[in-house]
Amino acid sequence: MSTRCNDGTIQRTAARLSQGLSVLFLVLLTMLHVLEPEFNSGHLISEYQLGDYGFLMSLAFGLLGVSAALVALSAGRRLRTRGGQVGWWGLLVIAAAFLIAGVFPPVRTPVLIGYLHGISGLVAIFGSPVAFSLIGRSLARSEPQVPSSYWLQWATLLAWSGLWLFLASLLIVSFTGRMDTALPWWVSLANRFLIVTYCIWFIAAAGDVAASARHAKNS
């Protein structure tokens, strides 16, 4: 019984820490909009790494990677379906992608550094909603009595909307032939909306895990 309580306490602590790191990511991103306004429009958020306060963006990516890893580690035992296990591994890969994006900025030279950043960015952007869906479904099936699962489902839909909105903005730009110049403001806005929806999912998922651990303790 004590072991079960200890596990629940560790899970709740990891989940709350994950929520705090996701919020801190949003705080740092907001700060960079003030500190480096030249990257606010016509640029993706990773380009904040190229400015005078680029270390803050690198730190923010690292914090988000740790947040994703904490969600995966705290939710691991509650993912009892095959899809949930796939999503668990996927979330660890996404966590690693955010960490790599933080270590390697989007520079053109050396080419390898820019390449690593680009690949990690693609993994995080396209892989996250898939992992979110798999984990969300597994948690909902394993513990449907937890009320927070409802909010996690909405957070998953929001993350998908962030991805599709960003992709739609890129498609519009490609069709209008403006890829060779600075990105339009709506692409920058869609990119920021996307990362905010991912943070919302991390916060919602961590809240679901914490609620599950609390429910198990009281039952």
N, C-alpha and C. Protein backbone atom coordinates (compact mmCIF):
# COMPACT_ATOMS: atom_id res chain seq x y z
N MET A 1 0.84 -1.20 0.00
CA MET A 1 0.00 0.00 0.00
C MET A 1 0.87 1.25 0.00
N SER A 2 1.92 1.26 0.83
CA SER A 2 2.81 2.41 0.89
C SER A 2 3.53 2.63 -0.43
N THR A 3 3.88 1.52 -1.10
CA THR A 3 4.55 1.65 -2.40
C THR A 3 3.64 2.30 -3.42
N ARG A 4 2.35 1.91 -3.37
CA ARG A 4 1.38 2.50 -4.29
C ARG A 4 1.22 3.99 -4.02
N CYS A 5 1.18 4.37 -2.74
CA CYS A 5 1.05 5.78 -2.39
C CYS A 5 2.28 6.57 -2.83
N ASN A 6 3.45 5.96 -2.65
CA ASN A 6 4.68 6.63 -3.07
C ASN A 6 4.71 6.85 -4.57
N ASP A 7 4.27 5.82 -5.32
CA ASP A 7 4.21 5.95 -6.77
C ASP A 7 3.26 7.07 -7.18
N GLY A 8 2.11 7.13 -6.49
CA GLY A 8 1.15 8.17 -6.81
C GLY A 8 1.69 9.57 -6.52
N THR A 9 2.43 9.69 -5.42
CA THR A 9 3.03 10.97 -5.07
C THR A 9 4.06 11.40 -6.11
N ILE A 10 4.88 10.44 -6.54
CA ILE A 10 5.89 10.73 -7.56
C ILE A 10 5.23 11.15 -8.87
N GLN A 11 4.17 10.45 -9.24
CA GLN A 11 3.47 10.78 -10.48
C GLN A 11 2.86 12.18 -10.41
N ARG A 12 2.24 12.51 -9.28
CA ARG A 12 1.64 13.84 -9.14
C ARG A 12 2.72 14.92 -9.16
N THR A 13 3.83 14.66 -8.51
CA THR A 13 4.92 15.64 -8.49
C THR A 13 5.47 15.87 -9.90
N ALA A 14 5.70 14.77 -10.62
CA ALA A 14 6.21 14.88 -11.99
C ALA A 14 5.21 15.61 -12.89
N ALA A 15 3.92 15.32 -12.70
CA ALA A 15 2.90 15.96 -13.52
C ALA A 15 2.83 17.46 -13.23
N ARG A 16 2.87 17.83 -11.96
CA ARG A 16 2.82 19.26 -11.62
C ARG A 16 4.06 19.99 -12.12
N LEU A 17 5.21 19.33 -12.04
CA LEU A 17 6.44 19.94 -12.55
C LEU A 17 6.34 20.14 -14.06
N SER A 18 5.75 19.16 -14.75
CA SER A 18 5.56 19.28 -16.20
C SER A 18 4.68 20.48 -16.52
N GLN A 19 3.61 20.66 -15.76
CA GLN A 19 2.74 21.81 -16.00
C GLN A 19 3.51 23.12 -15.80
N GLY A 20 4.31 23.18 -14.74
CA GLY A 20 5.06 24.39 -14.47
C GLY A 20 6.05 24.71 -15.58
N LEU A 21 6.70 23.70 -16.12
CA LEU A 21 7.68 23.92 -17.19
C LEU A 21 7.00 24.38 -18.48
N SER A 22 5.82 23.84 -18.76
CA SER A 22 5.08 24.29 -19.95
C SER A 22 4.67 25.75 -19.82
N VAL A 23 4.21 26.12 -18.64
CA VAL A 23 3.85 27.52 -18.40
C VAL A 23 5.08 28.40 -18.51
N LEU A 24 6.22 27.93 -17.99
CA LEU A 24 7.45 28.71 -18.07
C LEU A 24 7.89 28.89 -19.52
N PHE A 25 7.68 27.87 -20.35
CA PHE A 25 7.97 28.00 -21.78
C PHE A 25 7.17 29.16 -22.38
N LEU A 26 5.89 29.22 -22.05
CA LEU A 26 5.04 30.28 -22.58
C LEU A 26 5.48 31.65 -22.07
N VAL A 27 5.93 31.69 -20.83
CA VAL A 27 6.42 32.96 -20.28
C VAL A 27 7.67 33.43 -21.03
N LEU A 28 8.61 32.50 -21.27
CA LEU A 28 9.83 32.86 -21.98
C LEU A 28 9.53 33.29 -23.41
N LEU A 29 8.61 32.58 -24.05
CA LEU A 29 8.24 32.94 -25.43
C LEU A 29 7.63 34.34 -25.47
N THR A 30 6.80 34.65 -24.49
CA THR A 30 6.22 35.99 -24.42
C THR A 30 7.29 37.04 -24.20
N MET A 31 8.24 36.75 -23.34
CA MET A 31 9.34 37.68 -23.08
C MET A 31 10.13 37.97 -24.35
N LEU A 32 10.35 36.95 -25.16
CA LEU A 32 11.13 37.12 -26.38
C LEU A 32 10.41 38.01 -27.39
N HIS A 33 9.09 38.02 -27.34
CA HIS A 33 8.36 38.94 -28.22
C HIS A 33 8.67 40.39 -27.87
N VAL A 34 9.03 40.64 -26.63
CA VAL A 34 9.39 41.99 -26.19
C VAL A 34 10.87 42.26 -26.41
N LEU A 35 11.71 41.26 -26.10
CA LEU A 35 13.16 41.44 -26.17
C LEU A 35 13.70 41.41 -27.60
N GLU A 36 13.06 40.63 -28.47
CA GLU A 36 13.51 40.51 -29.86
C GLU A 36 12.35 40.75 -30.82
N PRO A 37 11.80 41.94 -30.85
CA PRO A 37 10.62 42.22 -31.69
C PRO A 37 10.88 42.05 -33.18
N GLU A 38 12.15 42.07 -33.59
CA GLU A 38 12.46 41.92 -35.01
C GLU A 38 12.09 40.53 -35.54
N PHE A 39 11.87 39.57 -34.65
CA PHE A 39 11.51 38.22 -35.06
C PHE A 39 10.02 37.92 -34.85
N ASN A 40 9.25 38.93 -34.47
CA ASN A 40 7.84 38.69 -34.15
C ASN A 40 7.01 38.37 -35.38
N SER A 41 7.27 39.05 -36.49
CA SER A 41 6.49 38.86 -37.71
C SER A 41 7.40 38.45 -38.85
N GLY A 42 6.95 37.49 -39.63
CA GLY A 42 7.75 37.01 -40.74
C GLY A 42 8.77 35.96 -40.37
N HIS A 43 8.71 35.46 -39.13
CA HIS A 43 9.68 34.48 -38.67
C HIS A 43 8.98 33.41 -37.82
N LEU A 44 9.58 32.23 -37.78
CA LEU A 44 9.11 31.16 -36.90
C LEU A 44 9.75 31.35 -35.53
N ILE A 45 9.17 30.72 -34.51
CA ILE A 45 9.65 30.96 -33.15
C ILE A 45 11.09 30.51 -32.95
N SER A 46 11.53 29.49 -33.68
CA SER A 46 12.90 29.00 -33.51
C SER A 46 13.94 30.05 -33.89
N GLU A 47 13.53 31.03 -34.71
CA GLU A 47 14.47 32.06 -35.13
C GLU A 47 14.81 33.04 -34.01
N TYR A 48 14.06 33.00 -32.93
CA TYR A 48 14.45 33.78 -31.76
C TYR A 48 15.82 33.33 -31.24
N GLN A 49 16.20 32.10 -31.55
CA GLN A 49 17.51 31.60 -31.13
C GLN A 49 18.66 32.35 -31.79
N LEU A 50 18.38 33.04 -32.87
CA LEU A 50 19.43 33.74 -33.62
C LEU A 50 19.69 35.15 -33.11
N GLY A 51 18.86 35.63 -32.20
CA GLY A 51 19.00 36.99 -31.69
C GLY A 51 19.91 37.09 -30.49
N ASP A 52 19.97 38.28 -29.93
CA ASP A 52 20.84 38.54 -28.78
C ASP A 52 20.42 37.75 -27.55
N TYR A 53 19.14 37.43 -27.46
CA TYR A 53 18.62 36.66 -26.33
C TYR A 53 18.23 35.24 -26.76
N GLY A 54 18.95 34.74 -27.74
CA GLY A 54 18.64 33.42 -28.27
C GLY A 54 18.72 32.31 -27.25
N PHE A 55 19.54 32.50 -26.22
CA PHE A 55 19.67 31.45 -25.21
C PHE A 55 18.35 31.22 -24.47
N LEU A 56 17.49 32.25 -24.42
CA LEU A 56 16.20 32.08 -23.78
C LEU A 56 15.29 31.14 -24.59
N MET A 57 15.35 31.25 -25.93
CA MET A 57 14.57 30.35 -26.76
C MET A 57 15.11 28.94 -26.69
N SER A 58 16.43 28.82 -26.65
CA SER A 58 17.04 27.49 -26.50
C SER A 58 16.63 26.87 -25.16
N LEU A 59 16.66 27.69 -24.11
CA LEU A 59 16.23 27.21 -22.79
C LEU A 59 14.77 26.81 -22.81
N ALA A 60 13.94 27.61 -23.49
CA ALA A 60 12.51 27.31 -23.55
C ALA A 60 12.25 25.97 -24.24
N PHE A 61 12.95 25.70 -25.35
CA PHE A 61 12.80 24.41 -26.01
C PHE A 61 13.22 23.27 -25.09
N GLY A 62 14.31 23.48 -24.35
CA GLY A 62 14.77 22.46 -23.41
C GLY A 62 13.74 22.19 -22.33
N LEU A 63 13.14 23.25 -21.80
CA LEU A 63 12.11 23.09 -20.77
C LEU A 63 10.90 22.34 -21.30
N LEU A 64 10.52 22.63 -22.54
CA LEU A 64 9.37 21.95 -23.13
C LEU A 64 9.68 20.47 -23.36
N GLY A 65 10.94 20.18 -23.72
CA GLY A 65 11.33 18.78 -23.88
C GLY A 65 11.25 18.03 -22.56
N VAL A 66 11.72 18.65 -21.49
CA VAL A 66 11.63 18.02 -20.17
C VAL A 66 10.17 17.85 -19.75
N SER A 67 9.34 18.85 -20.06
CA SER A 67 7.92 18.77 -19.75
C SER A 67 7.27 17.57 -20.44
N ALA A 68 7.60 17.37 -21.72
CA ALA A 68 7.05 16.23 -22.46
C ALA A 68 7.53 14.91 -21.86
N ALA A 69 8.79 14.85 -21.49
CA ALA A 69 9.34 13.62 -20.90
C ALA A 69 8.67 13.31 -19.57
N LEU A 70 8.40 14.34 -18.77
CA LEU A 70 7.76 14.14 -17.48
C LEU A 70 6.32 13.63 -17.65
N VAL A 71 5.62 14.14 -18.65
CA VAL A 71 4.28 13.62 -18.93
C VAL A 71 4.34 12.14 -19.27
N ALA A 72 5.29 11.78 -20.14
CA ALA A 72 5.43 10.37 -20.54
C ALA A 72 5.78 9.49 -19.35
N LEU A 73 6.72 9.91 -18.54
CA LEU A 73 7.16 9.10 -17.42
C LEU A 73 6.09 8.98 -16.35
N SER A 74 5.35 10.05 -16.10
CA SER A 74 4.31 10.00 -15.07
C SER A 74 3.08 9.22 -15.53
N ALA A 75 2.84 9.18 -16.84
CA ALA A 75 1.65 8.49 -17.36
C ALA A 75 1.92 7.06 -17.76
N GLY A 76 3.18 6.63 -17.73
CA GLY A 76 3.57 5.34 -18.28
C GLY A 76 2.74 4.17 -17.81
N ARG A 77 2.53 4.03 -16.49
CA ARG A 77 1.81 2.88 -15.95
C ARG A 77 0.33 2.91 -16.24
N ARG A 78 -0.19 4.05 -16.63
CA ARG A 78 -1.62 4.17 -16.90
C ARG A 78 -1.97 3.95 -18.37
N LEU A 79 -0.96 3.79 -19.20
CA LEU A 79 -1.18 3.55 -20.62
C LEU A 79 -1.18 2.05 -20.86
N ARG A 80 -2.37 1.45 -20.81
CA ARG A 80 -2.49 0.00 -20.83
C ARG A 80 -2.82 -0.56 -22.21
N THR A 81 -3.05 0.30 -23.19
CA THR A 81 -3.36 -0.18 -24.53
C THR A 81 -2.09 -0.15 -25.40
N ARG A 82 -2.14 -0.89 -26.50
CA ARG A 82 -0.99 -0.90 -27.41
C ARG A 82 -0.77 0.49 -28.00
N GLY A 83 -1.86 1.15 -28.37
CA GLY A 83 -1.73 2.50 -28.90
C GLY A 83 -1.13 3.45 -27.89
N GLY A 84 -1.50 3.28 -26.62
CA GLY A 84 -0.94 4.12 -25.58
C GLY A 84 0.55 3.91 -25.43
N GLN A 85 1.01 2.67 -25.55
CA GLN A 85 2.44 2.39 -25.46
C GLN A 85 3.20 3.01 -26.64
N VAL A 86 2.59 2.95 -27.83
CA VAL A 86 3.22 3.59 -28.99
C VAL A 86 3.29 5.10 -28.77
N GLY A 87 2.21 5.66 -28.25
CA GLY A 87 2.20 7.08 -27.97
C GLY A 87 3.22 7.46 -26.91
N TRP A 88 3.43 6.58 -25.93
CA TRP A 88 4.42 6.82 -24.87
C TRP A 88 5.82 6.93 -25.46
N TRP A 89 6.18 5.99 -26.31
CA TRP A 89 7.49 6.06 -26.97
C TRP A 89 7.58 7.29 -27.87
N GLY A 90 6.48 7.57 -28.55
CA GLY A 90 6.46 8.75 -29.42
C GLY A 90 6.68 10.04 -28.65
N LEU A 91 6.10 10.12 -27.45
CA LEU A 91 6.26 11.33 -26.65
C LEU A 91 7.70 11.48 -26.17
N LEU A 92 8.37 10.37 -25.89
CA LEU A 92 9.79 10.45 -25.53
C LEU A 92 10.63 10.93 -26.71
N VAL A 93 10.29 10.48 -27.91
CA VAL A 93 11.00 10.95 -29.10
C VAL A 93 10.76 12.44 -29.30
N ILE A 94 9.53 12.88 -29.08
CA ILE A 94 9.21 14.30 -29.22
C ILE A 94 9.97 15.11 -28.17
N ALA A 95 10.06 14.58 -26.95
CA ALA A 95 10.83 15.27 -25.91
C ALA A 95 12.28 15.44 -26.35
N ALA A 96 12.84 14.39 -26.93
CA ALA A 96 14.22 14.46 -27.42
C ALA A 96 14.34 15.48 -28.55
N ALA A 97 13.30 15.55 -29.41
CA ALA A 97 13.32 16.50 -30.53
C ALA A 97 13.35 17.94 -30.02
N PHE A 98 12.56 18.23 -29.00
CA PHE A 98 12.57 19.59 -28.44
C PHE A 98 13.93 19.91 -27.83
N LEU A 99 14.52 18.93 -27.16
CA LEU A 99 15.83 19.15 -26.56
C LEU A 99 16.89 19.39 -27.63
N ILE A 100 16.84 18.62 -28.71
CA ILE A 100 17.80 18.80 -29.81
C ILE A 100 17.61 20.17 -30.46
N ALA A 101 16.34 20.58 -30.63
CA ALA A 101 16.07 21.90 -31.21
C ALA A 101 16.63 23.01 -30.34
N GLY A 102 16.65 22.78 -29.03
CA GLY A 102 17.21 23.78 -28.14
C GLY A 102 18.72 23.84 -28.19
N VAL A 103 19.35 22.71 -28.40
CA VAL A 103 20.82 22.64 -28.44
C VAL A 103 21.35 23.16 -29.77
N PHE A 104 20.66 22.84 -30.86
CA PHE A 104 21.13 23.21 -32.20
C PHE A 104 20.20 24.26 -32.80
N PRO A 105 20.64 25.50 -32.92
CA PRO A 105 19.80 26.57 -33.48
C PRO A 105 19.65 26.43 -34.99
N PRO A 106 18.70 27.16 -35.59
CA PRO A 106 18.45 27.05 -37.04
C PRO A 106 19.43 27.90 -37.86
N VAL A 107 20.70 27.57 -37.77
CA VAL A 107 21.72 28.30 -38.54
C VAL A 107 21.97 27.59 -39.86
N ARG A 108 22.50 28.33 -40.83
CA ARG A 108 22.78 27.74 -42.15
C ARG A 108 24.17 27.11 -42.21
N THR A 109 25.07 27.60 -41.40
CA THR A 109 26.41 27.02 -41.31
C THR A 109 26.80 26.89 -39.85
N PRO A 110 27.37 25.75 -39.44
CA PRO A 110 27.56 24.55 -40.24
C PRO A 110 26.23 23.90 -40.63
N VAL A 111 26.22 23.26 -41.76
CA VAL A 111 24.99 22.69 -42.31
C VAL A 111 24.42 21.64 -41.38
N LEU A 112 25.28 20.86 -40.72
CA LEU A 112 24.81 19.78 -39.86
C LEU A 112 23.94 20.30 -38.72
N ILE A 113 24.32 21.43 -38.15
CA ILE A 113 23.55 21.99 -37.03
C ILE A 113 22.16 22.40 -37.50
N GLY A 114 22.09 23.12 -38.62
CA GLY A 114 20.80 23.50 -39.17
C GLY A 114 19.96 22.29 -39.55
N TYR A 115 20.62 21.26 -40.05
CA TYR A 115 19.92 20.03 -40.44
C TYR A 115 19.31 19.36 -39.21
N LEU A 116 20.08 19.26 -38.13
CA LEU A 116 19.57 18.64 -36.91
C LEU A 116 18.39 19.41 -36.34
N HIS A 117 18.48 20.73 -36.39
CA HIS A 117 17.37 21.55 -35.90
C HIS A 117 16.13 21.33 -36.77
N GLY A 118 16.32 21.32 -38.08
CA GLY A 118 15.18 21.14 -38.98
C GLY A 118 14.49 19.81 -38.80
N ILE A 119 15.26 18.74 -38.70
CA ILE A 119 14.67 17.41 -38.53
C ILE A 119 13.94 17.31 -37.20
N SER A 120 14.57 17.82 -36.13
CA SER A 120 13.93 17.75 -34.82
C SER A 120 12.64 18.58 -34.82
N GLY A 121 12.66 19.71 -35.52
CA GLY A 121 11.45 20.52 -35.61
C GLY A 121 10.32 19.80 -36.32
N LEU A 122 10.64 19.12 -37.41
CA LEU A 122 9.62 18.37 -38.13
C LEU A 122 9.04 17.25 -37.28
N VAL A 123 9.91 16.56 -36.53
CA VAL A 123 9.44 15.48 -35.66
C VAL A 123 8.49 16.03 -34.60
N ALA A 124 8.87 17.14 -33.98
CA ALA A 124 8.04 17.72 -32.93
C ALA A 124 6.71 18.23 -33.48
N ILE A 125 6.76 18.89 -34.63
CA ILE A 125 5.55 19.50 -35.18
C ILE A 125 4.56 18.45 -35.66
N PHE A 126 5.04 17.48 -36.44
CA PHE A 126 4.13 16.50 -37.03
C PHE A 126 3.86 15.30 -36.13
N GLY A 127 4.82 14.97 -35.28
CA GLY A 127 4.64 13.79 -34.43
C GLY A 127 3.80 14.04 -33.20
N SER A 128 3.79 15.27 -32.71
CA SER A 128 3.11 15.55 -31.44
C SER A 128 1.61 15.22 -31.46
N PRO A 129 0.83 15.72 -32.42
CA PRO A 129 -0.60 15.41 -32.38
C PRO A 129 -0.91 13.91 -32.47
N VAL A 130 -0.07 13.17 -33.18
CA VAL A 130 -0.28 11.72 -33.28
C VAL A 130 -0.08 11.08 -31.92
N ALA A 131 1.03 11.42 -31.26
CA ALA A 131 1.29 10.88 -29.92
C ALA A 131 0.23 11.34 -28.94
N PHE A 132 -0.20 12.60 -29.05
CA PHE A 132 -1.24 13.12 -28.17
C PHE A 132 -2.52 12.29 -28.29
N SER A 133 -2.91 11.98 -29.52
CA SER A 133 -4.14 11.22 -29.76
C SER A 133 -4.05 9.83 -29.17
N LEU A 134 -2.94 9.15 -29.39
CA LEU A 134 -2.77 7.79 -28.88
C LEU A 134 -2.80 7.76 -27.36
N ILE A 135 -2.10 8.70 -26.74
CA ILE A 135 -2.06 8.74 -25.28
C ILE A 135 -3.42 9.14 -24.71
N GLY A 136 -4.06 10.12 -25.32
CA GLY A 136 -5.36 10.56 -24.84
C GLY A 136 -6.40 9.46 -24.88
N ARG A 137 -6.44 8.70 -25.96
CA ARG A 137 -7.39 7.59 -26.09
C ARG A 137 -7.12 6.52 -25.06
N SER A 138 -5.84 6.22 -24.83
CA SER A 138 -5.48 5.19 -23.87
C SER A 138 -5.88 5.60 -22.45
N LEU A 139 -5.62 6.85 -22.09
CA LEU A 139 -5.99 7.32 -20.76
C LEU A 139 -7.50 7.33 -20.57
N ALA A 140 -8.23 7.73 -21.63
CA ALA A 140 -9.69 7.78 -21.54
C ALA A 140 -10.28 6.38 -21.36
N ARG A 141 -9.70 5.39 -22.03
CA ARG A 141 -10.21 4.03 -21.92
C ARG A 141 -9.81 3.39 -20.60
N SER A 142 -8.64 3.69 -20.12
CA SER A 142 -8.15 3.07 -18.88
C SER A 142 -8.88 3.61 -17.66
N GLU A 143 -9.17 4.91 -17.64
CA GLU A 143 -9.78 5.53 -16.47
C GLU A 143 -10.83 6.55 -16.90
N PRO A 144 -11.96 6.06 -17.43
CA PRO A 144 -13.00 6.98 -17.90
C PRO A 144 -13.66 7.77 -16.77
N GLN A 145 -13.47 7.34 -15.52
CA GLN A 145 -14.09 8.02 -14.39
C GLN A 145 -13.38 9.30 -14.00
N VAL A 146 -12.22 9.54 -14.57
CA VAL A 146 -11.47 10.76 -14.25
C VAL A 146 -12.03 11.91 -15.07
N PRO A 147 -12.59 12.96 -14.43
CA PRO A 147 -13.23 14.06 -15.16
C PRO A 147 -12.28 14.81 -16.10
N SER A 148 -11.00 14.88 -15.76
CA SER A 148 -10.06 15.67 -16.56
C SER A 148 -9.82 15.07 -17.93
N SER A 149 -10.20 13.79 -18.13
CA SER A 149 -10.02 13.18 -19.44
C SER A 149 -10.82 13.92 -20.51
N TYR A 150 -11.95 14.51 -20.09
CA TYR A 150 -12.77 15.29 -21.02
C TYR A 150 -11.98 16.47 -21.56
N TRP A 151 -11.26 17.17 -20.69
CA TRP A 151 -10.47 18.32 -21.12
C TRP A 151 -9.28 17.90 -21.96
N LEU A 152 -8.75 16.72 -21.69
CA LEU A 152 -7.63 16.23 -22.48
C LEU A 152 -8.06 15.96 -23.92
N GLN A 153 -9.27 15.46 -24.10
CA GLN A 153 -9.78 15.22 -25.45
C GLN A 153 -9.89 16.54 -26.22
N TRP A 154 -10.37 17.58 -25.56
CA TRP A 154 -10.46 18.88 -26.21
C TRP A 154 -9.08 19.45 -26.51
N ALA A 155 -8.14 19.22 -25.59
CA ALA A 155 -6.78 19.70 -25.82
C ALA A 155 -6.15 19.01 -27.01
N THR A 156 -6.48 17.72 -27.20
CA THR A 156 -5.96 16.98 -28.35
C THR A 156 -6.52 17.55 -29.66
N LEU A 157 -7.82 17.82 -29.67
CA LEU A 157 -8.44 18.42 -30.86
C LEU A 157 -7.84 19.80 -31.14
N LEU A 158 -7.55 20.54 -30.08
CA LEU A 158 -6.96 21.86 -30.25
C LEU A 158 -5.56 21.75 -30.86
N ALA A 159 -4.79 20.75 -30.43
CA ALA A 159 -3.45 20.54 -30.99
C ALA A 159 -3.52 20.21 -32.48
N TRP A 160 -4.48 19.36 -32.85
CA TRP A 160 -4.65 19.05 -34.27
C TRP A 160 -5.04 20.30 -35.06
N SER A 161 -5.89 21.13 -34.48
CA SER A 161 -6.29 22.36 -35.18
C SER A 161 -5.08 23.28 -35.35
N GLY A 162 -4.18 23.30 -34.34
CA GLY A 162 -2.98 24.10 -34.47
C GLY A 162 -2.10 23.63 -35.60
N LEU A 163 -1.96 22.30 -35.74
CA LEU A 163 -1.15 21.75 -36.81
C LEU A 163 -1.75 22.06 -38.17
N TRP A 164 -3.05 21.82 -38.33
CA TRP A 164 -3.68 22.03 -39.64
C TRP A 164 -3.71 23.50 -40.02
N LEU A 165 -3.87 24.37 -39.04
CA LEU A 165 -3.83 25.80 -39.34
C LEU A 165 -2.45 26.23 -39.83
N PHE A 166 -1.43 25.70 -39.19
CA PHE A 166 -0.06 26.03 -39.60
C PHE A 166 0.22 25.49 -41.00
N LEU A 167 -0.19 24.26 -41.26
CA LEU A 167 0.02 23.68 -42.59
C LEU A 167 -0.75 24.46 -43.65
N ALA A 168 -1.97 24.87 -43.33
CA ALA A 168 -2.76 25.64 -44.28
C ALA A 168 -2.08 26.97 -44.61
N SER A 169 -1.50 27.60 -43.60
CA SER A 169 -0.81 28.87 -43.84
C SER A 169 0.40 28.68 -44.74
N LEU A 170 1.11 27.58 -44.55
CA LEU A 170 2.26 27.29 -45.41
C LEU A 170 1.84 26.99 -46.84
N LEU A 171 0.72 26.29 -47.00
CA LEU A 171 0.23 25.98 -48.34
C LEU A 171 -0.18 27.25 -49.08
N ILE A 172 -0.83 28.16 -48.37
CA ILE A 172 -1.23 29.42 -49.00
C ILE A 172 0.00 30.19 -49.47
N VAL A 173 1.04 30.21 -48.64
CA VAL A 173 2.27 30.91 -49.00
C VAL A 173 2.92 30.27 -50.22
N SER A 174 2.95 28.94 -50.24
CA SER A 174 3.59 28.24 -51.36
C SER A 174 2.84 28.49 -52.66
N PHE A 175 1.52 28.58 -52.61
CA PHE A 175 0.73 28.82 -53.81
C PHE A 175 0.86 30.26 -54.30
N THR A 176 1.09 31.17 -53.38
CA THR A 176 1.22 32.57 -53.76
C THR A 176 2.65 32.95 -54.12
N GLY A 177 3.59 32.00 -53.98
CA GLY A 177 4.97 32.23 -54.37
C GLY A 177 5.72 33.19 -53.50
N ARG A 178 5.43 33.21 -52.19
CA ARG A 178 6.09 34.14 -51.29
C ARG A 178 7.06 33.43 -50.35
N MET A 179 7.48 32.24 -50.71
CA MET A 179 8.38 31.48 -49.85
C MET A 179 9.81 32.03 -49.89
N ASP A 180 10.15 32.79 -50.93
CA ASP A 180 11.51 33.31 -51.05
C ASP A 180 11.72 34.60 -50.25
N THR A 181 10.65 35.20 -49.78
CA THR A 181 10.75 36.42 -48.99
C THR A 181 10.40 36.11 -47.54
N ALA A 182 10.34 37.14 -46.71
CA ALA A 182 9.93 36.95 -45.32
C ALA A 182 8.52 36.37 -45.27
N LEU A 183 8.30 35.49 -44.33
CA LEU A 183 6.99 34.87 -44.21
C LEU A 183 5.93 35.90 -43.86
N PRO A 184 4.73 35.75 -44.38
CA PRO A 184 3.64 36.67 -44.01
C PRO A 184 3.34 36.57 -42.52
N TRP A 185 2.71 37.59 -41.99
CA TRP A 185 2.44 37.64 -40.56
C TRP A 185 1.55 36.49 -40.11
N TRP A 186 0.65 36.03 -41.00
CA TRP A 186 -0.28 34.98 -40.56
C TRP A 186 0.42 33.63 -40.40
N VAL A 187 1.52 33.42 -41.11
CA VAL A 187 2.28 32.18 -40.90
C VAL A 187 2.96 32.22 -39.54
N SER A 188 3.54 33.37 -39.21
CA SER A 188 4.16 33.52 -37.89
C SER A 188 3.12 33.32 -36.79
N LEU A 189 1.94 33.88 -36.98
CA LEU A 189 0.89 33.74 -35.98
C LEU A 189 0.43 32.29 -35.85
N ALA A 190 0.29 31.61 -36.99
CA ALA A 190 -0.12 30.20 -36.96
C ALA A 190 0.92 29.34 -36.28
N ASN A 191 2.20 29.65 -36.49
CA ASN A 191 3.28 28.91 -35.85
C ASN A 191 3.23 29.08 -34.33
N ARG A 192 2.94 30.28 -33.88
CA ARG A 192 2.84 30.52 -32.45
C ARG A 192 1.60 29.87 -31.85
N PHE A 193 0.51 29.90 -32.60
CA PHE A 193 -0.71 29.23 -32.13
C PHE A 193 -0.47 27.73 -31.98
N LEU A 194 0.26 27.16 -32.93
CA LEU A 194 0.56 25.72 -32.88
C LEU A 194 1.30 25.36 -31.60
N ILE A 195 2.36 26.08 -31.28
CA ILE A 195 3.16 25.71 -30.11
C ILE A 195 2.37 25.96 -28.82
N VAL A 196 1.49 26.96 -28.83
CA VAL A 196 0.65 27.20 -27.65
C VAL A 196 -0.31 26.03 -27.44
N THR A 197 -0.89 25.51 -28.52
CA THR A 197 -1.81 24.37 -28.38
C THR A 197 -1.06 23.14 -27.86
N TYR A 198 0.18 22.96 -28.26
CA TYR A 198 0.96 21.83 -27.75
C TYR A 198 1.22 21.99 -26.26
N CYS A 199 1.51 23.21 -25.84
CA CYS A 199 1.71 23.47 -24.40
C CYS A 199 0.43 23.21 -23.62
N ILE A 200 -0.70 23.61 -24.19
CA ILE A 200 -1.98 23.35 -23.54
C ILE A 200 -2.20 21.86 -23.36
N TRP A 201 -1.80 21.08 -24.37
CA TRP A 201 -1.96 19.62 -24.24
C TRP A 201 -1.08 19.07 -23.12
N PHE A 202 0.16 19.50 -23.05
CA PHE A 202 1.04 19.04 -21.98
C PHE A 202 0.45 19.37 -20.61
N ILE A 203 -0.10 20.56 -20.47
CA ILE A 203 -0.70 20.97 -19.21
C ILE A 203 -1.92 20.12 -18.89
N ALA A 204 -2.77 19.88 -19.91
CA ALA A 204 -3.98 19.09 -19.71
C ALA A 204 -3.63 17.62 -19.41
N ALA A 205 -2.65 17.07 -20.12
CA ALA A 205 -2.26 15.68 -19.90
C ALA A 205 -1.67 15.50 -18.50
N ALA A 206 -0.83 16.44 -18.09
CA ALA A 206 -0.26 16.36 -16.75
C ALA A 206 -1.35 16.47 -15.69
N GLY A 207 -2.34 17.34 -15.94
CA GLY A 207 -3.46 17.44 -15.01
C GLY A 207 -4.26 16.16 -14.94
N ASP A 208 -4.42 15.48 -16.08
CA ASP A 208 -5.13 14.20 -16.12
C ASP A 208 -4.38 13.15 -15.31
N VAL A 209 -3.07 13.09 -15.47
CA VAL A 209 -2.27 12.13 -14.72
C VAL A 209 -2.34 12.40 -13.23
N ALA A 210 -2.25 13.67 -12.84
CA ALA A 210 -2.33 14.03 -11.42
C ALA A 210 -3.69 13.67 -10.84
N ALA A 211 -4.74 13.91 -11.61
CA ALA A 211 -6.10 13.57 -11.14
C ALA A 211 -6.26 12.05 -11.01
N SER A 212 -5.68 11.32 -11.95
CA SER A 212 -5.76 9.86 -11.89
C SER A 212 -5.06 9.32 -10.65
N ALA A 213 -3.86 9.87 -10.38
CA ALA A 213 -3.11 9.43 -9.20
C ALA A 213 -3.86 9.77 -7.91
N ARG A 214 -4.50 10.92 -7.88
CA ARG A 214 -5.27 11.32 -6.70
C ARG A 214 -6.49 10.43 -6.54
N HIS A 215 -7.14 10.09 -7.65
CA HIS A 215 -8.31 9.22 -7.60
C HIS A 215 -7.93 7.83 -7.12
N ALA A 216 -6.79 7.32 -7.58
CA ALA A 216 -6.33 6.00 -7.16
C ALA A 216 -6.00 5.99 -5.67
N LYS A 217 -5.47 7.09 -5.16
CA LYS A 217 -5.13 7.17 -3.74
C LYS A 217 -6.37 7.15 -2.88
N ASN A 218 -7.44 7.82 -3.35
CA ASN A 218 -8.66 7.93 -2.54
C ASN A 218 -9.56 6.71 -2.66
N SER A 219 -9.32 5.88 -3.69
CA SER A 219 -10.19 4.72 -3.90
C SER A 219 -9.75 3.52 -3.09
